[in-house]
Amino acid sequence: MPGWQALAKMNTNNGSGSEDLLRNIEQCAFYLSSYNETISLQKPSLVMQAMKVNVTAIVDDVEFPSKGFASNSSFALAANIRIPAALLKERANNSIVQIAQSVVKNIGQFLPSKGTQYVGSQVISSQISLSNGNSSFLTNLSFVVFPEDDSFTAACVFWDFNSSAWSSKGITKAVTDKHNVSCSSSHLTSFAVLLQTSQQLEPSYTPAPIPLISFIGCGVSLFFMTITFIFLRCCKKNPNTMRSFVPVNTIAGLEITLVIFLGGIRLDEQNETACKTVSSLIQYFWLSALSWMMCTAILLCLMLVFSYKHLKNRHWVFVSLGWGLPLPIVLFGLILWHKYYFIPNTSGQNLYCWISDDHGIVWIFAGPALGILMGIFLFLLFVLLDEKVYKDRTKQMRGMKTQGNERDSSIQNTNYRHVGGIELFGIANKSAET
């Protein structure tokens, strides 16, 4: 036990020391299986068996530990794996197959698990020199678990070295009979059982009342945003002015986000590619909506500094900022951390399509969002507090009135502070052009 603890402390954030140890155990066992004899290794916290078998002579399934296996270790083996003989014959590259298997007692305690889940079993590993890929024949797993409470839920998982986390991909739902847990897997690696007691059960992402509340809230928002969108596009005298163009795009970004959120936040099948696509689209359109809100604040500032006619035909500038700014952020996140763009639930049977909070990856969204919100705050602060800009603008408009231009007169009589506040909420716009 002290050895496991020392290795786990090599990196307290993700247990990389224990992960390296598990990887080394697998590699060592597979190396020993290259010898032309059966090798058994038994230590206080580790049991290992490595051998070569002739596939043509195999009749029964390969089981570890087998019924006749004599363990001299100081702990009782409480995990079992059974590999179908048909799988070996289907996948073998030649008649001789290397088989390496091991059971580790305590290492699961030092491999990180999510939330209130914990590893409640020994970790059993199995490797075979077969052709790559999943098999149509399932490997059977059985465990004796050690729960903290008699009322618990169990999920069979394997350690994913790519994401440094437990995963249930390719493993059937666990069947529990008292303290015995069984499941099947389409691939071979290191397996264990994650437990969660009933008192600790975290609510699912969508407990019974929450989906209804979410759908009602999002539905009401979509309804009123659609009415506003139609009003800005159809009821305005000139819907292509900057004052209509910016809020229309803001509303479009929010509506698309809500539609994708309601339709794809939760997938009932483990389709990681579809889930990552949904996560990236939600991230992109959320950031786009925030970017367009910042465009609104920028437009208010520009209207104070320049006359409105100077802002005509500048749509491309705002399009680049509103739709273009989030694009490199999303692509950057997908390239570096795409494996964190989905969240498996506790049962492992479905996925929640959003960025995982493991290792702080969720900040690829939260960081830019906070930055954009800070930009909105600074631009609006400029609008509200810069008295000099407001006075200079008022003086300029009064000078325009003396020229007798009726159109300019209507513009100058507009209270720009009042218009700015109205523009912010998209209620009304007062202008000769609208």
Foldseek 3Di string as FASTA:
>chain_A
DVVLVVQLVVPVQFSVSLVVVQVVLVVVQQVVQVDADWDWDEEQFKTKIKYKDFLVPDDAWDKPPDPPDDHPYPDDAFKMKTHGSVQCVVFAPHRMKIKIKMKGAPSQQSGDADAQKGFFWIKIFIDMPTDDDFDPDWMKMKGQGDDPDQAKAKAKWAQDPVVSYTARPQKDFWDDDRRMIMIIGRDTGIMTMIMDHPVRDDDDPDDDVRLVVLCVVLVVLLVVLVVLLCCLCPVAPDSPAPLNVLVNQLSVLSNVLSVLCNPQQKFQAPPLVSLLVSALSNLLSVLLSLQSLLVLLVVLLVVLQDPRVVVPPCVVVSCCRRNVVCVVLSVVLCVPPSVQQWAQDPRNRMIGGHGDCRPPSNCSRVVSSVVSVVSSVVSVCCNVPVVVSNVVSLVVLVVVVVVVDPQSVQVSPDNSSVQSVCSSVSPDHRHPND
